[in-house]
């Protein structure tokens, strides 16, 4: 084995630091450490529950062998995992010392997994973990190579804090990415449009409903070079004004401001849009505004939603939908092709099930419970 130089050590450290922020370079960083130790194989891997192929970043990966860890060789690896779990974090160990050389050499895992990959002697270190799983780094040497000595174990001990920090940052960024994806998926479930813009109206994110509204032919809103814009000149000025006022109000909470207006479409085929601006919550993202967009026509069918919400029969739900849309009792009887007395009976049941006493109260309640999510 050639002696490591300061340059090769620093290259390995630099690679690990870069990998903390960019998972795409993590395999290359693991390869750099393998070369540093003149190993036959190296891996950064997780042991624990719900393992998959992505839980091992290894050099010269064999996906078939990786799958066997949680497949037919799982019993042997469960014993190995339990033995390694007893090793304190940060302590460098040799696998045969932890698991027992005699036991290890007689396992299927050794003969069908370690040996085919020329993994006969290894040093490793547990890095980070939780009650369900832990991450560790392991570097191996082949059958014809010299065994690891004390100096090499000491070198891994010195590298272990860098490896640990790399995985701590990766785990944190993984949670951030998960939170971001969940937030975006949640916004996409909403029936109304939501757009996040900066002070120049550059679109940072638009949910699915907003994308549909903005891209509709002759819509009241559109995009110009990645920025949110209104079709009409007066509306464009109003849009800029409410964004500017919202940002000022965020900095000065006592400042009164107008945060909404109605944007007009370019033709009768598209509805006008109610536009409302809100400051983006939190101090980590200054200069960002949330724009809520709601069409002012094209009322969705509320029948199924009202039936589920108040436990209405189909006939009662149809009447409730008509009343919410502004239909009179007499016109509802004509539309539903039933007697006026039948409609009044349904109306009495609606009062009972919704806890209202007057038709005006009922209509106000029905119009306040429009579903936040589009119909499936």
Protein backbone atom coordinates (compact mmCIF):
# COMPACT_ATOMS: atom_id res chain seq x y z
CA UNK A 1 0.00 0.00 0.00
CA UNK A 2 1.31 3.45 -0.90
CA UNK A 3 1.55 5.94 1.95
CA UNK A 4 -1.18 8.59 1.86
CA UNK A 5 -0.01 12.13 1.20
CA UNK A 6 -1.40 15.36 2.59
CA UNK A 7 -2.89 16.00 -0.84
CA UNK A 8 -4.81 12.70 -0.97
CA UNK A 9 -6.07 13.17 2.60
CA UNK A 10 -7.27 16.72 1.87
CA UNK A 11 -8.88 15.58 -1.40
CA UNK A 12 -10.87 12.98 0.55
CA UNK A 13 -11.92 15.54 3.17
CA UNK A 14 -12.88 18.10 0.51
CA UNK A 15 -14.97 15.47 -1.28
CA UNK A 16 -16.87 14.61 1.91
CA UNK A 17 -17.51 18.29 2.68
CA UNK A 18 -18.87 18.81 -0.85
CA UNK A 19 -21.03 15.69 -0.55
CA UNK A 20 -22.75 17.11 2.53
CA UNK A 21 -24.50 19.65 0.31
CA UNK A 22 -24.76 17.66 -2.90
CA UNK A 23 -25.77 13.98 -2.80
CA UNK A 24 -24.74 13.57 -6.44
CA UNK A 25 -21.06 13.76 -5.47
CA UNK A 26 -21.35 11.37 -2.51
CA UNK A 27 -20.38 8.23 -4.49
CA UNK A 28 -17.23 10.01 -5.71
CA UNK A 29 -16.39 11.04 -2.15
CA UNK A 30 -16.69 7.43 -0.96
CA UNK A 31 -14.43 6.35 -3.82
CA UNK A 32 -11.83 8.94 -2.77
CA UNK A 33 -11.77 7.49 0.75
CA UNK A 34 -11.44 3.96 -0.65
CA UNK A 35 -8.38 5.03 -2.63
CA UNK A 36 -6.97 6.79 0.42
CA UNK A 37 -6.98 3.45 2.26
CA UNK A 38 -6.07 1.36 -0.81
CA UNK A 39 -9.20 -0.68 -0.14
CA UNK A 40 -10.91 -3.20 -2.37
CA UNK A 41 -14.31 -1.71 -1.54
CA UNK A 42 -15.83 1.05 0.61
CA UNK A 43 -19.37 1.96 1.53
CA UNK A 44 -21.42 4.46 3.47
CA UNK A 45 -24.51 2.53 4.48
CA UNK A 46 -27.51 2.31 6.78
CA UNK A 47 -28.56 -0.63 8.91
CA UNK A 48 -32.05 -0.73 10.41
CA UNK A 49 -35.71 -0.80 9.37
CA UNK A 50 -37.17 -0.30 5.87
CA UNK A 51 -33.88 -0.70 4.01
CA UNK A 52 -33.64 -0.24 0.25
CA UNK A 53 -30.88 -0.12 -2.36
CA UNK A 54 -30.48 3.63 -1.89
CA UNK A 55 -29.35 3.12 1.70
CA UNK A 56 -25.87 2.04 0.58
CA UNK A 57 -23.48 4.39 -1.22
CA UNK A 58 -20.74 2.00 -2.24
CA UNK A 59 -17.91 1.68 -4.72
CA UNK A 60 -18.43 -0.81 -7.55
CA UNK A 61 -22.06 -1.45 -6.58
CA UNK A 62 -23.74 -4.75 -7.45
CA UNK A 63 -27.52 -4.07 -7.11
CA UNK A 64 -28.29 -7.79 -6.99
CA UNK A 65 -25.99 -8.33 -4.01
CA UNK A 66 -27.33 -5.19 -2.32
CA UNK A 67 -30.89 -6.54 -2.51
CA UNK A 68 -29.80 -9.78 -0.84
CA UNK A 69 -28.99 -7.85 2.37
CA UNK A 70 -32.73 -7.50 2.97
CA UNK A 71 -33.52 -10.75 1.15
CA UNK A 72 -32.16 -14.27 1.65
CA UNK A 73 -29.07 -13.08 3.57
CA UNK A 74 -31.10 -10.94 5.96
CA UNK A 75 -30.70 -13.25 9.01
CA UNK A 76 -26.89 -13.01 8.88
CA UNK A 77 -26.97 -9.24 8.42
CA UNK A 78 -29.42 -8.85 11.31
CA UNK A 79 -26.88 -10.53 13.60
CA UNK A 80 -24.11 -8.30 12.20
CA UNK A 81 -26.26 -5.19 12.65
CA UNK A 82 -27.01 -6.07 16.27
CA UNK A 83 -23.30 -6.60 16.97
CA UNK A 84 -22.30 -3.32 15.34
CA UNK A 85 -25.09 -1.48 17.19
CA UNK A 86 -23.25 -2.13 20.45
CA UNK A 87 -20.20 -0.21 19.21
CA UNK A 88 -20.19 3.45 20.39
CA UNK A 89 -20.51 6.13 17.72
CA UNK A 90 -17.12 7.39 16.53
CA UNK A 91 -15.18 4.27 17.63
CA UNK A 92 -13.24 2.50 14.86
CA UNK A 93 -13.75 -1.27 14.88
CA UNK A 94 -12.90 -4.35 12.82
CA UNK A 95 -15.90 -6.41 11.77
CA UNK A 96 -14.40 -9.80 12.62
CA UNK A 97 -13.56 -8.54 16.11
CA UNK A 98 -17.10 -7.30 16.75
CA UNK A 99 -18.99 -10.23 15.23
CA UNK A 100 -16.45 -12.98 15.96
CA UNK A 101 -14.12 -14.25 13.26
CA UNK A 102 -15.19 -17.91 13.51
CA UNK A 103 -18.90 -17.08 13.28
CA UNK A 104 -18.41 -14.63 10.41
CA UNK A 105 -16.25 -17.01 8.33
CA UNK A 106 -18.97 -19.68 8.52
CA UNK A 107 -21.92 -17.52 7.44
CA UNK A 108 -23.60 -17.46 4.05
CA UNK A 109 -23.12 -13.69 4.13
CA UNK A 110 -19.33 -14.14 4.10
CA UNK A 111 -19.23 -16.79 1.38
CA UNK A 112 -21.96 -15.32 -0.85
CA UNK A 113 -21.62 -11.58 -0.22
CA UNK A 114 -18.26 -10.53 1.28
CA UNK A 115 -15.95 -13.01 -0.50
CA UNK A 116 -17.38 -12.48 -4.04
CA UNK A 117 -16.64 -8.75 -3.62
CA UNK A 118 -13.09 -9.43 -2.34
CA UNK A 119 -13.93 -8.17 1.15
CA UNK A 120 -11.72 -10.10 3.59
CA UNK A 121 -10.60 -7.50 6.15
CA UNK A 122 -12.31 -4.25 7.05
CA UNK A 123 -12.29 -1.31 9.41
CA UNK A 124 -15.44 0.68 10.07
CA UNK A 125 -17.03 3.35 12.21
CA UNK A 126 -20.61 4.06 13.29
CA UNK A 127 -21.54 7.66 12.44
CA UNK A 128 -25.09 8.79 13.26
CA UNK A 129 -28.36 7.12 14.07
CA UNK A 130 -31.71 6.98 15.84
CA UNK A 131 -33.67 4.21 17.59
CA UNK A 132 -34.70 2.71 14.23
CA UNK A 133 -31.43 2.75 12.28
CA UNK A 134 -27.84 3.99 12.05
CA UNK A 135 -25.31 4.95 9.37
CA UNK A 136 -21.76 3.62 9.27
CA UNK A 137 -18.68 3.81 7.06
CA UNK A 138 -16.76 0.68 6.12
CA UNK A 139 -13.64 0.14 4.00
CA UNK A 140 -12.45 -3.36 3.04
CA UNK A 141 -9.33 -5.00 1.65
CA UNK A 142 -9.04 -8.02 -0.60
CA UNK A 143 -7.66 -11.48 0.04
CA UNK A 144 -4.21 -10.70 -1.38
CA UNK A 145 -3.82 -7.31 0.34
CA UNK A 146 -2.16 -6.59 3.70
CA UNK A 147 -4.40 -6.26 6.73
CA UNK A 148 -5.19 -2.83 8.15
CA UNK A 149 -2.71 -1.69 10.78
CA UNK A 150 -2.92 0.65 13.78
CA UNK A 151 -1.89 3.74 11.77
CA UNK A 152 -4.70 3.16 9.29
CA UNK A 153 -7.24 2.68 12.05
CA UNK A 154 -6.04 5.95 13.56
CA UNK A 155 -6.48 7.67 10.18
CA UNK A 156 -10.09 6.50 9.97
CA UNK A 157 -10.62 7.71 13.54
CA UNK A 158 -9.42 11.16 12.48
CA UNK A 159 -11.70 11.11 9.43
CA UNK A 160 -14.76 9.92 11.37
CA UNK A 161 -15.87 13.43 12.52
CA UNK A 162 -15.90 14.58 8.88
CA UNK A 163 -17.88 11.49 7.85
CA UNK A 164 -20.28 12.06 10.74
CA UNK A 165 -20.83 15.71 9.88
CA UNK A 166 -21.43 14.80 6.24
CA UNK A 167 -24.22 12.41 7.20
CA UNK A 168 -25.71 14.81 9.76
CA UNK A 169 -26.01 17.51 7.10
CA UNK A 170 -27.37 15.04 4.54
CA UNK A 171 -30.04 13.82 6.97
CA UNK A 172 -31.05 17.41 7.78
CA UNK A 173 -31.24 18.40 4.11
CA UNK A 174 -33.20 15.24 3.40
CA UNK A 175 -35.82 16.29 5.97
CA UNK A 176 -35.89 19.81 4.49
CA UNK A 177 -36.41 18.39 1.00
CA UNK A 178 -39.18 16.13 2.31
CA UNK A 179 -40.89 19.06 4.06
CA UNK A 180 -40.62 21.13 0.86
CA UNK A 181 -42.09 18.36 -1.29
CA UNK A 182 -44.92 17.78 1.19
CA UNK A 183 -45.71 21.52 1.26
CA UNK A 184 -45.83 21.65 -2.54
CA UNK A 185 -48.01 18.54 -2.74
CA UNK A 186 -50.38 20.07 -0.18
CA UNK A 187 -50.66 23.32 -2.16
CA UNK A 188 -51.41 21.29 -5.29
CA UNK A 189 -54.39 19.71 -3.51
CA UNK A 190 -56.10 23.10 -3.02
CA UNK A 191 -58.99 24.08 -5.29
CA UNK A 192 -57.95 27.75 -5.38
CA UNK A 193 -54.78 29.09 -6.97
CA UNK A 194 -51.76 29.93 -4.82
CA UNK A 195 -48.67 31.68 -6.21
CA UNK A 196 -45.57 32.68 -4.24
CA UNK A 197 -43.76 35.68 -5.75
CA UNK A 198 -40.92 37.99 -4.80
CA UNK A 199 -41.09 41.80 -4.75
CA UNK A 200 -40.56 41.90 -8.54
CA UNK A 201 -43.44 39.43 -9.09
CA UNK A 202 -41.02 36.68 -10.16
CA UNK A 203 -42.86 33.38 -9.62
CA UNK A 204 -41.16 31.18 -7.04
CA UNK A 205 -43.89 28.55 -6.96
CA UNK A 206 -47.41 28.13 -8.34
CA UNK A 207 -49.72 25.29 -7.38
CA UNK A 208 -51.64 23.25 -9.96
CA UNK A 209 -54.82 25.34 -9.66
CA UNK A 210 -52.86 28.56 -10.23
CA UNK A 211 -51.09 27.05 -13.25
CA UNK A 212 -54.46 26.18 -14.80
CA UNK A 213 -55.86 29.68 -14.18
CA UNK A 214 -52.76 31.51 -15.43
CA UNK A 215 -52.33 29.43 -18.60
CA UNK A 216 -56.01 29.57 -19.64
CA UNK A 217 -56.65 31.43 -22.88
CA UNK A 218 -57.30 35.15 -22.25
CA UNK A 219 -57.11 34.66 -18.48
CA UNK A 220 -57.06 37.72 -16.22
CA UNK A 221 -53.56 36.69 -15.10
CA UNK A 222 -50.61 35.43 -17.14
CA UNK A 223 -46.85 35.14 -17.01
CA UNK A 224 -44.27 37.36 -18.68
CA UNK A 225 -40.66 36.19 -18.58
CA UNK A 226 -41.28 34.18 -15.42
CA UNK A 227 -43.20 36.96 -13.67
CA UNK A 228 -46.84 37.09 -12.65
CA UNK A 229 -48.74 39.75 -14.60
CA UNK A 230 -52.30 40.98 -15.12
CA UNK A 231 -53.80 41.25 -18.60
CA UNK A 232 -55.35 44.68 -18.10
CA UNK A 233 -53.16 47.73 -17.46
CA UNK A 234 -55.16 48.93 -14.45
CA UNK A 235 -55.05 45.43 -12.96
CA UNK A 236 -51.28 45.25 -13.48
CA UNK A 237 -50.84 48.44 -11.48
CA UNK A 238 -53.15 47.08 -8.78
CA UNK A 239 -51.18 43.84 -8.64
CA UNK A 240 -47.88 45.66 -8.18
CA UNK A 241 -49.48 47.92 -5.57
CA UNK A 242 -50.86 45.13 -3.35
CA UNK A 243 -47.54 43.27 -3.45
CA UNK A 244 -45.64 46.42 -2.45
CA UNK A 245 -48.20 47.26 0.26
CA UNK A 246 -48.11 43.68 1.60
CA UNK A 247 -44.33 43.79 1.93
CA UNK A 248 -44.52 47.15 3.75
CA UNK A 249 -47.23 45.79 6.05
CA UNK A 250 -45.06 42.77 6.84
CA UNK A 251 -42.28 45.12 7.98
CA UNK A 252 -44.73 47.46 9.76
CA UNK A 253 -47.61 45.33 11.16
CA UNK A 254 -49.62 48.40 12.28
CA UNK A 255 -49.68 49.86 8.77
CA UNK A 256 -53.10 49.64 7.09
CA UNK A 257 -53.11 48.47 3.50
CA UNK A 258 -55.30 47.15 0.71
CA UNK A 259 -54.44 43.54 -0.10
CA UNK A 260 -57.03 42.50 -2.68
CA UNK A 261 -58.67 43.46 -5.96
CA UNK A 262 -60.57 41.89 -8.85
CA UNK A 263 -58.66 41.24 -12.08
CA UNK A 264 -60.70 41.24 -15.31
CA UNK A 265 -60.30 38.63 -18.01
CA UNK A 266 -59.69 39.37 -21.68
CA UNK A 267 -62.96 37.83 -22.84
CA UNK A 268 -66.30 36.49 -21.66
CA UNK A 269 -65.12 32.89 -21.83
CA UNK A 270 -62.91 33.39 -18.73
CA UNK A 271 -64.04 34.54 -15.27
CA UNK A 272 -62.77 37.55 -13.38
CA UNK A 273 -60.35 36.60 -10.64
CA UNK A 274 -60.35 37.65 -7.00
CA UNK A 275 -56.72 38.38 -6.08
CA UNK A 276 -55.56 38.53 -2.45
CA UNK A 277 -51.98 39.12 -1.22
CA UNK A 278 -50.56 37.90 2.08
CA UNK A 279 -47.03 38.17 3.50
CA UNK A 280 -45.05 34.94 3.38
CA UNK A 281 -44.91 33.51 6.90
CA UNK A 282 -41.55 33.35 8.66
CA UNK A 283 -38.47 35.52 8.70
CA UNK A 284 -36.27 33.18 6.63
CA UNK A 285 -37.83 34.33 3.35
CA UNK A 286 -38.10 38.14 3.37
CA UNK A 287 -39.45 39.86 0.30
CA UNK A 288 -41.88 37.09 -0.64
CA UNK A 289 -45.66 37.34 -0.97
CA UNK A 290 -48.39 34.71 -1.26
CA UNK A 291 -51.01 35.50 -3.93
CA UNK A 292 -54.35 33.67 -3.54
CA UNK A 293 -56.46 33.46 -6.71
CA UNK A 294 -60.16 32.56 -6.82
CA UNK A 295 -62.44 32.62 -9.90
CA UNK A 296 -65.57 34.73 -9.38
CA UNK A 297 -67.77 32.55 -11.56
CA UNK A 298 -68.02 28.97 -12.62
CA UNK A 299 -69.31 27.86 -9.22
CA UNK A 300 -68.54 24.15 -8.64
CA UNK A 301 -71.29 21.63 -7.97
CA UNK A 302 -71.64 21.59 -4.17
CA UNK A 303 -74.16 18.76 -3.97
CA UNK A 304 -71.86 15.92 -2.92
CA UNK A 305 -69.84 18.16 -0.60
CA UNK A 306 -72.94 19.43 1.24
CA UNK A 307 -74.37 15.92 1.49
CA UNK A 308 -71.22 14.62 3.18
CA UNK A 309 -70.78 17.69 5.38
CA UNK A 310 -74.30 17.84 6.84
CA UNK A 311 -75.54 14.29 6.31
CA UNK A 312 -78.11 15.30 3.70
CA UNK A 313 -80.15 13.04 1.48
CA UNK A 314 -79.60 13.45 -2.28
CA UNK A 315 -82.83 15.46 -2.59
CA UNK A 316 -81.91 17.71 0.33
CA UNK A 317 -78.39 18.24 -1.05
CA UNK A 318 -79.73 19.22 -4.49
CA UNK A 319 -82.03 21.79 -2.87
CA UNK A 320 -79.18 23.09 -0.69
CA UNK A 321 -77.01 23.57 -3.78
CA UNK A 322 -79.72 25.55 -5.55
CA UNK A 323 -80.40 27.75 -2.52
CA UNK A 324 -76.66 28.43 -2.08
CA UNK A 325 -76.54 29.57 -5.73
CA UNK A 326 -79.29 32.14 -5.05
CA UNK A 327 -82.31 30.21 -6.33
CA UNK A 328 -85.65 30.98 -4.67
CA UNK A 329 -87.77 28.27 -3.08
CA UNK A 330 -90.37 28.54 -5.84
CA UNK A 331 -87.77 28.36 -8.62
CA UNK A 332 -86.11 25.41 -6.87
CA UNK A 333 -89.43 23.53 -6.91
CA UNK A 334 -89.71 24.18 -10.65
CA UNK A 335 -86.08 23.17 -11.32
CA UNK A 336 -86.41 19.97 -9.29
CA UNK A 337 -89.88 19.24 -10.77
CA UNK A 338 -91.49 18.72 -7.36
CA UNK A 339 -94.29 20.38 -5.45
CA UNK A 340 -93.65 23.52 -3.45
CA UNK A 341 -94.77 21.68 -0.30
CA UNK A 342 -92.10 19.04 -0.91
CA UNK A 343 -89.42 21.73 -1.18
CA UNK A 344 -90.64 23.31 2.07
CA UNK A 345 -90.40 19.90 3.79
CA UNK A 346 -86.82 19.52 2.55
CA UNK A 347 -86.09 23.09 3.69
CA UNK A 348 -87.33 22.32 7.21
CA UNK A 349 -84.99 19.34 7.34
CA UNK A 350 -82.12 21.51 6.12
CA UNK A 351 -82.76 23.93 9.00
CA UNK A 352 -82.67 21.01 11.44
CA UNK A 353 -79.51 19.39 10.07
CA UNK A 354 -77.55 22.64 9.72
CA UNK A 355 -78.68 24.24 12.98
CA UNK A 356 -80.14 27.29 11.22
CA UNK A 357 -83.58 28.89 11.60
CA UNK A 358 -83.93 31.22 8.63
CA UNK A 359 -83.32 30.82 4.93
CA UNK A 360 -80.84 33.72 4.94
CA UNK A 361 -78.83 32.01 7.69
CA UNK A 362 -78.90 28.74 5.77
CA UNK A 363 -77.69 30.34 2.53
CA UNK A 364 -74.90 32.21 4.34
CA UNK A 365 -73.76 28.96 5.98
CA UNK A 366 -73.85 26.99 2.74
CA UNK A 367 -71.78 29.64 0.96
CA UNK A 368 -69.17 29.64 3.74
CA UNK A 369 -68.32 25.95 3.43
CA UNK A 370 -67.05 25.66 -0.12
CA UNK A 371 -64.57 22.75 -0.27
CA UNK A 372 -60.86 23.74 -0.17
CA UNK A 373 -60.00 20.75 -2.34
CA UNK A 374 -61.24 20.06 -5.87
CA UNK A 375 -63.71 17.27 -6.38
CA UNK A 376 -62.09 13.91 -7.06
